[in-house]
């Protein structure tokens, strides 16, 4: 039985240049569906605005036990030793914080060792953090090695945090 030449036993795939594929439509921003057509939230005040405009507290400017001295101590408690998960104040690295009547802060500090990896950066960070306290006019860090730091200088909270109690 001979088949006519028009009939074939197979179906040939079209050549790539014979098929025209339409590109899908591009996504547009205006086509996006907004789940809740609520207006964008109003932008609140910048969180730094209040900090930058804060006035120093009234009362004695400096001296032992002043609010300004406590504010500097609180700021120093926010700096953590990169190798030990305890702030530098509770670690016992800060030997003294003095604020004079002209709102100048002097911080006397040490490091755990003279070869501490942060020996070049930590005093600068302490000075910058103390100088950023509202009401402080200027800050200076005195790095001392005598008396040397020892674990006995740590606060009880730091010892508890490190499991030394």
C-alpha atoms as a PDB file:
ATOM      1  CA  UNK A   1       0.000   0.000   0.000  1.00  0.00           C
ATOM      2  CA  UNK A   2       1.553   3.144  -1.131  1.00  0.00           C
ATOM      3  CA  UNK A   3       0.831   6.379   0.659  1.00  0.00           C
ATOM      4  CA  UNK A   4       0.343   9.503  -1.267  1.00  0.00           C
ATOM      5  CA  UNK A   5       3.167  11.903  -1.024  1.00  0.00           C
ATOM      6  CA  UNK A   6       1.077  14.463   0.855  1.00  0.00           C
ATOM      7  CA  UNK A   7       0.611  12.159   3.870  1.00  0.00           C
ATOM      8  CA  UNK A   8       3.480  11.773   6.316  1.00  0.00           C
ATOM      9  CA  UNK A   9       4.033   9.445   9.296  1.00  0.00           C
ATOM     10  CA  UNK A  10       5.467  12.231  11.425  1.00  0.00           C
ATOM     11  CA  UNK A  11       4.785  15.817  12.363  1.00  0.00           C
ATOM     12  CA  UNK A  12       7.752  18.120  11.866  1.00  0.00           C
ATOM     13  CA  UNK A  13       8.449  20.861  14.376  1.00  0.00           C
ATOM     14  CA  UNK A  14       8.275  24.321  12.952  1.00  0.00           C
ATOM     15  CA  UNK A  15      11.519  26.069  12.212  1.00  0.00           C
ATOM     16  CA  UNK A  16      12.564  28.619  14.883  1.00  0.00           C
ATOM     17  CA  UNK A  17      12.157  31.501  12.502  1.00  0.00           C
ATOM     18  CA  UNK A  18       8.626  30.371  11.523  1.00  0.00           C
ATOM     19  CA  UNK A  19       7.171  30.690  15.040  1.00  0.00           C
ATOM     20  CA  UNK A  20       6.262  34.171  16.235  1.00  0.00           C
ATOM     21  CA  UNK A  21       6.102  34.346  20.009  1.00  0.00           C
ATOM     22  CA  UNK A  22       4.563  37.437  21.483  1.00  0.00           C
ATOM     23  CA  UNK A  23       6.403  38.957  24.394  1.00  0.00           C
ATOM     24  CA  UNK A  24       4.478  39.158  27.662  1.00  0.00           C
ATOM     25  CA  UNK A  25       3.394  42.652  28.684  1.00  0.00           C
ATOM     26  CA  UNK A  26       5.846  44.592  30.850  1.00  0.00           C
ATOM     27  CA  UNK A  27       4.987  45.187  34.476  1.00  0.00           C
ATOM     28  CA  UNK A  28       4.187  48.791  35.299  1.00  0.00           C
ATOM     29  CA  UNK A  29       4.146  50.535  38.664  1.00  0.00           C
ATOM     30  CA  UNK A  30       0.694  51.953  38.041  1.00  0.00           C
ATOM     31  CA  UNK A  31      -0.614  48.404  37.471  1.00  0.00           C
ATOM     32  CA  UNK A  32       0.379  47.336  41.000  1.00  0.00           C
ATOM     33  CA  UNK A  33      -2.509  46.487  43.271  1.00  0.00           C
ATOM     34  CA  UNK A  34      -2.425  48.287  46.581  1.00  0.00           C
ATOM     35  CA  UNK A  35      -3.921  46.025  49.231  1.00  0.00           C
ATOM     36  CA  UNK A  36      -5.122  48.836  51.442  1.00  0.00           C
ATOM     37  CA  UNK A  37      -5.489  52.095  49.623  1.00  0.00           C
ATOM     38  CA  UNK A  38      -4.422  53.886  52.778  1.00  0.00           C
ATOM     39  CA  UNK A  39      -2.333  57.008  52.333  1.00  0.00           C
ATOM     40  CA  UNK A  40       1.357  56.794  53.108  1.00  0.00           C
ATOM     41  CA  UNK A  41       2.084  57.352  56.799  1.00  0.00           C
ATOM     42  CA  UNK A  42       2.981  60.891  57.710  1.00  0.00           C
ATOM     43  CA  UNK A  43       6.672  61.251  58.485  1.00  0.00           C
ATOM     44  CA  UNK A  44       7.261  61.922  62.134  1.00  0.00           C
ATOM     45  CA  UNK A  45       9.998  64.101  63.561  1.00  0.00           C
ATOM     46  CA  UNK A  46      13.499  62.869  63.041  1.00  0.00           C
ATOM     47  CA  UNK A  47      14.728  61.062  66.151  1.00  0.00           C
ATOM     48  CA  UNK A  48      17.903  63.169  66.212  1.00  0.00           C
ATOM     49  CA  UNK A  49      16.004  66.440  66.177  1.00  0.00           C
ATOM     50  CA  UNK A  50      15.236  66.341  69.891  1.00  0.00           C
ATOM     51  CA  UNK A  51      18.762  65.220  70.730  1.00  0.00           C
ATOM     52  CA  UNK A  52      20.375  68.015  68.756  1.00  0.00           C
ATOM     53  CA  UNK A  53      18.133  70.700  70.278  1.00  0.00           C
ATOM     54  CA  UNK A  54      18.293  69.386  73.845  1.00  0.00           C
ATOM     55  CA  UNK A  55      19.446  71.928  76.362  1.00  0.00           C
ATOM     56  CA  UNK A  56      21.643  70.967  79.295  1.00  0.00           C
ATOM     57  CA  UNK A  57      19.886  70.481  82.596  1.00  0.00           C
ATOM     58  CA  UNK A  58      19.762  73.389  85.001  1.00  0.00           C
ATOM     59  CA  UNK A  59      21.764  73.246  88.209  1.00  0.00           C
ATOM     60  CA  UNK A  60      25.449  72.923  88.946  1.00  0.00           C
ATOM     61  CA  UNK A  61      27.335  72.321  85.738  1.00  0.00           C
ATOM     62  CA  UNK A  62      30.112  70.061  86.901  1.00  0.00           C
ATOM     63  CA  UNK A  63      31.659  68.525  89.911  1.00  0.00           C
ATOM     64  CA  UNK A  64      31.472  65.151  91.538  1.00  0.00           C
ATOM     65  CA  UNK A  65      27.974  63.717  91.560  1.00  0.00           C
ATOM     66  CA  UNK A  66      26.556  66.215  89.073  1.00  0.00           C
ATOM     67  CA  UNK A  67      23.947  65.218  86.529  1.00  0.00           C
ATOM     68  CA  UNK A  68      26.391  66.043  83.745  1.00  0.00           C
ATOM     69  CA  UNK A  69      29.002  63.703  85.186  1.00  0.00           C
ATOM     70  CA  UNK A  70      26.387  60.943  85.436  1.00  0.00           C
ATOM     71  CA  UNK A  71      25.344  61.594  81.826  1.00  0.00           C
ATOM     72  CA  UNK A  72      28.963  61.106  80.708  1.00  0.00           C
ATOM     73  CA  UNK A  73      29.196  57.870  82.718  1.00  0.00           C
ATOM     74  CA  UNK A  74      25.943  56.642  81.160  1.00  0.00           C
ATOM     75  CA  UNK A  75      27.333  57.419  77.702  1.00  0.00           C
ATOM     76  CA  UNK A  76      30.523  55.480  78.478  1.00  0.00           C
ATOM     77  CA  UNK A  77      28.455  52.501  79.581  1.00  0.00           C
ATOM     78  CA  UNK A  78      27.250  52.223  75.990  1.00  0.00           C
ATOM     79  CA  UNK A  79      30.768  51.406  74.721  1.00  0.00           C
ATOM     80  CA  UNK A  80      31.560  47.706  74.771  1.00  0.00           C
ATOM     81  CA  UNK A  81      34.924  45.995  74.633  1.00  0.00           C
ATOM     82  CA  UNK A  82      35.006  44.130  71.292  1.00  0.00           C
ATOM     83  CA  UNK A  83      36.525  40.993  72.837  1.00  0.00           C
ATOM     84  CA  UNK A  84      34.538  40.883  76.084  1.00  0.00           C
ATOM     85  CA  UNK A  85      30.740  41.365  76.080  1.00  0.00           C
ATOM     86  CA  UNK A  86      30.838  43.939  78.897  1.00  0.00           C
ATOM     87  CA  UNK A  87      30.816  47.737  78.716  1.00  0.00           C
ATOM     88  CA  UNK A  88      34.124  49.462  79.408  1.00  0.00           C
ATOM     89  CA  UNK A  89      32.849  51.193  82.560  1.00  0.00           C
ATOM     90  CA  UNK A  90      31.776  47.975  84.294  1.00  0.00           C
ATOM     91  CA  UNK A  91      34.910  46.278  82.994  1.00  0.00           C
ATOM     92  CA  UNK A  92      36.918  48.720  85.106  1.00  0.00           C
ATOM     93  CA  UNK A  93      38.731  50.443  82.247  1.00  0.00           C
ATOM     94  CA  UNK A  94      37.472  53.885  83.307  1.00  0.00           C
ATOM     95  CA  UNK A  95      39.420  55.086  86.338  1.00  0.00           C
ATOM     96  CA  UNK A  96      37.792  58.494  86.623  1.00  0.00           C
ATOM     97  CA  UNK A  97      35.279  60.894  85.060  1.00  0.00           C
ATOM     98  CA  UNK A  98      35.622  64.545  86.002  1.00  0.00           C
ATOM     99  CA  UNK A  99      33.462  67.395  84.754  1.00  0.00           C
ATOM    100  CA  UNK A 100      34.616  70.889  85.693  1.00  0.00           C
ATOM    101  CA  UNK A 101      32.521  74.064  86.094  1.00  0.00           C
ATOM    102  CA  UNK A 102      33.049  74.961  82.442  1.00  0.00           C
ATOM    103  CA  UNK A 103      31.502  71.642  81.295  1.00  0.00           C
ATOM    104  CA  UNK A 104      34.806  70.129  80.176  1.00  0.00           C
ATOM    105  CA  UNK A 105      35.053  66.380  80.772  1.00  0.00           C
ATOM    106  CA  UNK A 106      38.295  64.579  81.575  1.00  0.00           C
ATOM    107  CA  UNK A 107      38.192  60.790  81.424  1.00  0.00           C
ATOM    108  CA  UNK A 108      41.078  58.795  82.887  1.00  0.00           C
ATOM    109  CA  UNK A 109      41.161  55.286  81.477  1.00  0.00           C
ATOM    110  CA  UNK A 110      43.332  52.292  80.730  1.00  0.00           C
ATOM    111  CA  UNK A 111      43.122  49.231  78.525  1.00  0.00           C
ATOM    112  CA  UNK A 112      43.298  45.568  79.456  1.00  0.00           C
ATOM    113  CA  UNK A 113      46.844  45.374  78.020  1.00  0.00           C
ATOM    114  CA  UNK A 114      49.155  47.787  76.193  1.00  0.00           C
ATOM    115  CA  UNK A 115      48.940  45.444  73.199  1.00  0.00           C
ATOM    116  CA  UNK A 116      45.139  45.580  73.107  1.00  0.00           C
ATOM    117  CA  UNK A 117      43.870  45.473  69.487  1.00  0.00           C
ATOM    118  CA  UNK A 118      41.752  48.594  70.077  1.00  0.00           C
ATOM    119  CA  UNK A 119      44.541  50.633  71.698  1.00  0.00           C
ATOM    120  CA  UNK A 120      44.512  53.109  68.808  1.00  0.00           C
ATOM    121  CA  UNK A 121      40.749  53.474  68.434  1.00  0.00           C
ATOM    122  CA  UNK A 122      39.185  53.038  71.884  1.00  0.00           C
ATOM    123  CA  UNK A 123      40.440  56.329  73.459  1.00  0.00           C
ATOM    124  CA  UNK A 124      39.151  58.243  70.438  1.00  0.00           C
ATOM    125  CA  UNK A 125      35.768  56.553  70.678  1.00  0.00           C
ATOM    126  CA  UNK A 126      35.565  57.341  74.403  1.00  0.00           C
ATOM    127  CA  UNK A 127      36.429  60.996  73.756  1.00  0.00           C
ATOM    128  CA  UNK A 128      33.892  61.255  70.944  1.00  0.00           C
ATOM    129  CA  UNK A 129      31.131  59.615  72.990  1.00  0.00           C
ATOM    130  CA  UNK A 130      31.800  61.853  76.008  1.00  0.00           C
ATOM    131  CA  UNK A 131      31.917  64.986  73.859  1.00  0.00           C
ATOM    132  CA  UNK A 132      28.536  64.075  72.321  1.00  0.00           C
ATOM    133  CA  UNK A 133      26.744  64.299  75.681  1.00  0.00           C
ATOM    134  CA  UNK A 134      24.462  67.382  75.646  1.00  0.00           C
ATOM    135  CA  UNK A 135      26.004  70.066  77.830  1.00  0.00           C
ATOM    136  CA  UNK A 136      29.617  68.903  77.520  1.00  0.00           C
ATOM    137  CA  UNK A 137      31.749  71.603  75.929  1.00  0.00           C
ATOM    138  CA  UNK A 138      34.877  69.507  75.396  1.00  0.00           C
ATOM    139  CA  UNK A 139      36.178  66.067  76.330  1.00  0.00           C
ATOM    140  CA  UNK A 140      39.692  64.782  76.849  1.00  0.00           C
ATOM    141  CA  UNK A 141      40.891  61.225  77.472  1.00  0.00           C
ATOM    142  CA  UNK A 142      43.990  60.496  79.509  1.00  0.00           C
ATOM    143  CA  UNK A 143      45.261  56.977  78.828  1.00  0.00           C
ATOM    144  CA  UNK A 144      47.257  55.624  81.771  1.00  0.00           C
ATOM    145  CA  UNK A 145      48.999  52.320  82.437  1.00  0.00           C
ATOM    146  CA  UNK A 146      49.605  52.721  86.149  1.00  0.00           C
ATOM    147  CA  UNK A 147      47.913  51.142  87.986  1.00  0.00           C
ATOM    148  CA  UNK A 148      47.584  48.319  85.440  1.00  0.00           C
ATOM    149  CA  UNK A 149      44.158  46.853  84.791  1.00  0.00           C
ATOM    150  CA  UNK A 150      43.282  43.587  86.508  1.00  0.00           C
ATOM    151  CA  UNK A 151      40.060  41.551  86.755  1.00  0.00           C
ATOM    152  CA  UNK A 152      39.583  42.839  90.305  1.00  0.00           C
ATOM    153  CA  UNK A 153      38.663  46.239  88.835  1.00  0.00           C
ATOM    154  CA  UNK A 154      35.491  44.801  87.243  1.00  0.00           C
ATOM    155  CA  UNK A 155      32.101  45.526  88.771  1.00  0.00           C
ATOM    156  CA  UNK A 156      30.034  42.712  90.264  1.00  0.00           C
ATOM    157  CA  UNK A 157      27.650  42.986  87.298  1.00  0.00           C
ATOM    158  CA  UNK A 158      30.533  42.420  84.873  1.00  0.00           C
ATOM    159  CA  UNK A 159      31.809  39.448  86.859  1.00  0.00           C
ATOM    160  CA  UNK A 160      28.333  37.960  86.912  1.00  0.00           C
ATOM    161  CA  UNK A 161      27.990  38.492  83.160  1.00  0.00           C
ATOM    162  CA  UNK A 162      31.287  36.702  82.554  1.00  0.00           C
ATOM    163  CA  UNK A 163      30.530  33.890  85.005  1.00  0.00           C
ATOM    164  CA  UNK A 164      33.296  34.888  87.420  1.00  0.00           C
ATOM    165  CA  UNK A 165      31.100  35.012  90.548  1.00  0.00           C
END
